[in-house]
C-alpha atoms as a PDB file:
ATOM      1  CA  MET A   1    -136.418-221.837 -38.227  1.00  0.00           C
ATOM      2  CA  PRO A   2    -137.995-219.095 -40.250  1.00  0.00           C
ATOM      3  CA  SER A   3    -141.486-219.495 -41.700  1.00  0.00           C
ATOM      4  CA  LEU A   4    -141.946-220.732 -45.360  1.00  0.00           C
ATOM      5  CA  ALA A   5    -143.332-217.365 -46.340  1.00  0.00           C
ATOM      6  CA  ARG A   6    -140.432-215.825 -44.825  1.00  0.00           C
ATOM      7  CA  ARG A   7    -137.846-218.171 -46.099  1.00  0.00           C
ATOM      8  CA  ARG A   8    -139.101-217.423 -49.668  1.00  0.00           C
ATOM      9  CA  ALA A   9    -138.897-214.108 -49.268  1.00  0.00           C
ATOM     10  CA  LEU A  10    -135.432-214.185 -48.266  1.00  0.00           C
ATOM     11  CA  LEU A  11    -134.684-216.394 -51.138  1.00  0.00           C
ATOM     12  CA  LEU A  12    -136.060-213.897 -53.491  1.00  0.00           C
ATOM     13  CA  VAL A  13    -133.953-211.152 -51.989  1.00  0.00           C
ATOM     14  CA  LEU A  14    -130.828-213.203 -52.106  1.00  0.00           C
ATOM     15  CA  ALA A  15    -131.418-214.100 -55.715  1.00  0.00           C
ATOM     16  CA  ALA A  16    -132.101-210.684 -56.925  1.00  0.00           C
ATOM     17  CA  ALA A  17    -128.766-209.437 -55.023  1.00  0.00           C
ATOM     18  CA  THR A  18    -127.151-212.283 -56.936  1.00  0.00           C
ATOM     19  CA  VAL A  19    -128.370-211.288 -60.306  1.00  0.00           C
ATOM     20  CA  VAL A  20    -127.134-207.739 -59.426  1.00  0.00           C
ATOM     21  CA  VAL A  21    -123.651-208.952 -58.207  1.00  0.00           C
ATOM     22  CA  GLY A  22    -123.641-211.166 -61.255  1.00  0.00           C
ATOM     23  CA  LEU A  23    -124.492-208.738 -63.862  1.00  0.00           C
ATOM     24  CA  THR A  24    -121.823-205.953 -62.280  1.00  0.00           C
ATOM     25  CA  VAL A  25    -119.319-208.805 -62.446  1.00  0.00           C
ATOM     26  CA  HIS A  26    -120.062-209.373 -66.022  1.00  0.00           C
ATOM     27  CA  GLU A  27    -119.990-205.855 -67.136  1.00  0.00           C
ATOM     28  CA  THR A  28    -116.713-204.726 -64.889  1.00  0.00           C
ATOM     29  CA  LEU A  29    -114.440-207.741 -64.886  1.00  0.00           C
ATOM     30  CA  GLN A  30    -113.403-208.409 -68.299  1.00  0.00           C
ATOM     31  CA  SER A  31    -111.101-211.214 -67.410  1.00  0.00           C
ATOM     32  CA  ALA A  32    -110.896-214.801 -66.899  1.00  0.00           C
ATOM     33  CA  ALA A  33    -111.173-214.428 -63.102  1.00  0.00           C
ATOM     34  CA  GLY A  34    -114.256-212.260 -64.026  1.00  0.00           C
ATOM     35  CA  ALA A  35    -115.732-215.100 -66.121  1.00  0.00           C
ATOM     36  CA  PHE A  36    -115.162-217.764 -63.255  1.00  0.00           C
ATOM     37  CA  ALA A  37    -116.894-215.479 -60.756  1.00  0.00           C
ATOM     38  CA  GLY A  38    -120.017-214.876 -62.991  1.00  0.00           C
ATOM     39  CA  ASP A  39    -120.307-218.501 -63.922  1.00  0.00           C
ATOM     40  CA  ALA A  40    -120.024-219.317 -60.014  1.00  0.00           C
ATOM     41  CA  LEU A  41    -122.404-216.649 -59.277  1.00  0.00           C
ATOM     42  CA  TYR A  42    -124.718-218.228 -61.890  1.00  0.00           C
ATOM     43  CA  ALA A  43    -124.885-221.511 -60.070  1.00  0.00           C
ATOM     44  CA  VAL A  44    -125.599-219.555 -56.707  1.00  0.00           C
ATOM     45  CA  LEU A  45    -128.679-218.049 -58.313  1.00  0.00           C
ATOM     46  CA  LEU A  46    -129.557-221.555 -59.628  1.00  0.00           C
ATOM     47  CA  PHE A  47    -129.204-222.921 -56.071  1.00  0.00           C
ATOM     48  CA  LEU A  48    -131.364-220.014 -54.576  1.00  0.00           C
ATOM     49  CA  LEU A  49    -133.999-220.594 -57.374  1.00  0.00           C
ATOM     50  CA  VAL A  50    -134.117-224.391 -56.850  1.00  0.00           C
ATOM     51  CA  ALA A  51    -134.437-223.712 -52.924  1.00  0.00           C
ATOM     52  CA  LEU A  52    -137.271-221.166 -53.584  1.00  0.00           C
ATOM     53  CA  VAL A  53    -139.038-223.630 -55.735  1.00  0.00           C
ATOM     54  CA  VAL A  54    -138.379-226.762 -53.332  1.00  0.00           C
ATOM     55  CA  PRO A  55    -138.143-224.776 -50.356  1.00  0.00           C
ATOM     56  CA  ARG A  56    -138.049-228.098 -47.872  1.00  0.00           C
ATOM     57  CA  ALA A  57    -135.629-229.838 -50.122  1.00  0.00           C
ATOM     58  CA  PRO A  58    -132.105-231.004 -48.385  1.00  0.00           C
ATOM     59  CA  VAL A  59    -129.514-228.467 -49.226  1.00  0.00           C
ATOM     60  CA  VAL A  60    -127.296-231.241 -50.633  1.00  0.00           C
ATOM     61  CA  VAL A  61    -129.858-232.129 -53.040  1.00  0.00           C
ATOM     62  CA  VAL A  62    -130.488-228.522 -53.751  1.00  0.00           C
ATOM     63  CA  GLY A  63    -126.902-227.897 -54.530  1.00  0.00           C
ATOM     64  CA  GLY A  64    -126.791-231.385 -56.696  1.00  0.00           C
ATOM     65  CA  VAL A  65    -129.712-230.144 -58.483  1.00  0.00           C
ATOM     66  CA  ALA A  66    -128.167-226.532 -59.058  1.00  0.00           C
ATOM     67  CA  PHE A  67    -124.818-228.164 -60.374  1.00  0.00           C
ATOM     68  CA  ALA A  68    -127.044-230.537 -62.934  1.00  0.00           C
ATOM     69  CA  VAL A  69    -128.891-227.698 -64.397  1.00  0.00           C
ATOM     70  CA  CYS A  70    -125.658-225.670 -64.756  1.00  0.00           C
ATOM     71  CA  ALA A  71    -124.089-228.532 -66.528  1.00  0.00           C
ATOM     72  CA  ALA A  72    -126.767-229.327 -68.710  1.00  0.00           C
ATOM     73  CA  VAL A  73    -126.816-225.614 -69.994  1.00  0.00           C
ATOM     74  CA  GLU A  74    -123.377-225.978 -70.437  1.00  0.00           C
ATOM     75  CA  VAL A  75    -123.620-229.243 -72.459  1.00  0.00           C
ATOM     76  CA  LEU A  76    -126.315-227.875 -74.320  1.00  0.00           C
ATOM     77  CA  GLN A  77    -123.845-225.117 -75.811  1.00  0.00           C
ATOM     78  CA  LEU A  78    -122.059-227.976 -77.596  1.00  0.00           C
ATOM     79  CA  THR A  79    -125.134-228.198 -80.024  1.00  0.00           C
ATOM     80  CA  GLY A  80    -124.914-224.576 -80.880  1.00  0.00           C
ATOM     81  CA  VAL A  81    -128.809-223.873 -80.179  1.00  0.00           C
ATOM     82  CA  PRO A  82    -127.624-221.421 -77.401  1.00  0.00           C
ATOM     83  CA  ALA A  83    -125.375-219.460 -79.836  1.00  0.00           C
ATOM     84  CA  ARG A  84    -128.160-219.359 -82.535  1.00  0.00           C
ATOM     85  CA  LEU A  85    -130.563-218.187 -80.027  1.00  0.00           C
ATOM     86  CA  SER A  86    -128.120-215.750 -78.263  1.00  0.00           C
ATOM     87  CA  ALA A  87    -127.777-214.069 -82.067  1.00  0.00           C
ATOM     88  CA  ALA A  88    -131.450-213.647 -82.461  1.00  0.00           C
ATOM     89  CA  ILE A  89    -132.758-212.795 -79.034  1.00  0.00           C
ATOM     90  CA  PRO A  90    -130.861-210.303 -76.809  1.00  0.00           C
ATOM     91  CA  GLY A  91    -130.066-211.137 -73.276  1.00  0.00           C
ATOM     92  CA  VAL A  92    -130.468-215.103 -74.166  1.00  0.00           C
ATOM     93  CA  GLU A  93    -126.459-215.343 -73.750  1.00  0.00           C
ATOM     94  CA  LEU A  94    -126.554-214.233 -70.075  1.00  0.00           C
ATOM     95  CA  VAL A  95    -128.858-217.481 -69.412  1.00  0.00           C
ATOM     96  CA  LEU A  96    -127.646-220.101 -71.804  1.00  0.00           C
ATOM     97  CA  GLY A  97    -124.152-218.931 -72.721  1.00  0.00           C
ATOM     98  CA  SER A  98    -123.053-219.446 -76.190  1.00  0.00           C
ATOM     99  CA  THR A  99    -119.877-221.595 -76.522  1.00  0.00           C
ATOM    100  CA  PHE A 100    -119.054-224.642 -74.188  1.00  0.00           C
ATOM    101  CA  GLN A 101    -116.005-224.297 -72.071  1.00  0.00           C
ATOM    102  CA  TRP A 102    -114.816-227.007 -69.580  1.00  0.00           C
ATOM    103  CA  VAL A 103    -113.705-224.404 -66.848  1.00  0.00           C
ATOM    104  CA  ASP A 104    -117.133-223.324 -66.726  1.00  0.00           C
ATOM    105  CA  LEU A 105    -118.140-226.629 -65.302  1.00  0.00           C
ATOM    106  CA  VAL A 106    -115.616-226.060 -62.495  1.00  0.00           C
ATOM    107  CA  ALA A 107    -117.101-222.607 -61.633  1.00  0.00           C
ATOM    108  CA  TYR A 108    -120.586-224.237 -61.275  1.00  0.00           C
ATOM    109  CA  ALA A 109    -119.125-226.806 -59.132  1.00  0.00           C
ATOM    110  CA  VAL A 110    -117.395-224.316 -56.902  1.00  0.00           C
ATOM    111  CA  GLY A 111    -120.618-221.788 -56.910  1.00  0.00           C
ATOM    112  CA  ALA A 112    -123.123-224.643 -56.234  1.00  0.00           C
ATOM    113  CA  GLY A 113    -120.634-226.009 -53.421  1.00  0.00           C
ATOM    114  CA  LEU A 114    -120.424-222.950 -51.706  1.00  0.00           C
ATOM    115  CA  ALA A 115    -123.909-222.140 -51.657  1.00  0.00           C
ATOM    116  CA  THR A 116    -124.816-225.610 -50.157  1.00  0.00           C
ATOM    117  CA  ALA A 117    -121.968-225.220 -47.503  1.00  0.00           C
ATOM    118  CA  VAL A 118    -123.060-221.792 -46.758  1.00  0.00           C
ATOM    119  CA  SER A 119    -126.992-222.626 -46.524  1.00  0.00           C
ATOM    120  CA  ALA A 120    -126.111-225.951 -44.468  1.00  0.00           C
ATOM    121  CA  GLY A 121    -124.259-223.963 -42.079  1.00  0.00           C
ATOM    122  CA  VAL A 122    -126.997-221.289 -41.736  1.00  0.00           C
ATOM    123  CA  GLU A 123    -129.463-223.928 -41.399  1.00  0.00           C
ATOM    124  CA  ARG A 124    -127.213-225.444 -38.702  1.00  0.00           C
ATOM    125  CA  TRP A 125    -127.064-222.023 -37.006  1.00  0.00           C
ATOM    126  CA  LEU A 126    -130.771-221.649 -37.001  1.00  0.00           C
ATOM    127  CA  ARG A 127    -131.631-225.076 -35.304  1.00  0.00           C
ATOM    128  CA  ARG A 128    -129.047-224.265 -32.559  1.00  0.00           C
ATOM    129  CA  ARG A 129    -130.916-220.804 -32.062  1.00  0.00           C
ATOM    130  CA  ALA A 130    -134.083-222.403 -32.099  1.00  0.00           C
ATOM    131  CA  ALA A 131    -132.997-225.293 -29.428  1.00  0.00           C
ATOM    132  CA  GLY A 132    -132.077-222.132 -27.211  1.00  0.00           C
ATOM    133  CA  SER A 133    -128.366-222.311 -27.353  1.00  0.00           C
ATOM    134  CA  SER A 134    -125.751-220.845 -29.614  1.00  0.00           C
ATOM    135  CA  ARG A 135    -123.799-224.121 -29.298  1.00  0.00           C
ATOM    136  CA  GLY A 136    -126.842-226.427 -29.700  1.00  0.00           C
ATOM    137  CA  ALA A 137    -126.511-227.748 -26.452  1.00  0.00           C
ATOM    138  CA  PRO A 138    -129.373-227.957 -23.765  1.00  0.00           C
ATOM    139  CA  THR A 139    -129.779-224.453 -22.155  1.00  0.00           C
ATOM    140  CA  THR A 140    -129.457-225.849 -18.527  1.00  0.00           C
ATOM    141  CA  PRO A 141    -126.726-227.420 -16.716  1.00  0.00           C
ATOM    142  CA  SER A 142    -128.604-230.411 -15.705  1.00  0.00           C
ATOM    143  CA  ALA A 143    -130.778-230.912 -18.962  1.00  0.00           C
ATOM    144  CA  GLY A 144    -130.270-234.415 -20.086  1.00  0.00           C
ATOM    145  CA  ALA A 145    -128.222-235.590 -16.844  1.00  0.00           C
ATOM    146  CA  PRO A 146    -129.651-238.463 -15.036  1.00  0.00           C
ATOM    147  CA  GLY A 147    -131.888-237.888 -11.737  1.00  0.00           C
ATOM    148  CA  ARG A 148    -129.920-236.972  -8.413  1.00  0.00           C
ATOM    149  CA  ARG A 149    -129.050-239.984  -6.444  1.00  0.00           C
ATOM    150  CA  PRO A 150    -128.545-240.152  -2.816  1.00  0.00           C
ATOM    151  CA  PRO A 151    -124.996-240.844  -1.926  1.00  0.00           C
ATOM    152  CA  ALA A 152    -123.854-244.272  -0.932  1.00  0.00           C
ATOM    153  CA  GLY A 153    -124.816-245.646   2.397  1.00  0.00           C
ATOM    154  CA  THR A 154    -128.259-242.922   2.899  1.00  0.00           C
ATOM    155  CA  ARG A 155    -131.378-244.304   3.632  1.00  0.00           C
ATOM    156  CA  SER A 156    -134.145-243.432   1.309  1.00  0.00           C
ATOM    157  CA  ARG A 157    -137.152-242.071   2.347  1.00  0.00           C
END
């Protein structure tokens, strides 16, 4: 497994890349699919930020927290506060949105779920590599096998 410092550096790089991809999607895909992808990437970004803050948390917990934060931000939009803040402060709409849409909750679930699944797969792969085998099995044929026994009827020494 990578060290904590290396893990955090990787998470920062991935978060920055997610922001770049998310902003690119936001600016270039002016469609329902683009909005959905942007919302899913928002959840991926929150997954990465939660993992950055709490790097030893289980990936399922990180995914759950990321989705919960996304859902809370979406529900906050029902109050109108994000819309008023977006009108007053440039860029706030990219973080808090402005209007509630139930389909955004689905996009957040997809984004957080995919981030969780990919992260769990990467962690499993890293554990297997650290154990010395690409399959996660012992590296020698006899590892874990019981000791050799003499054939039946052979006198012991």
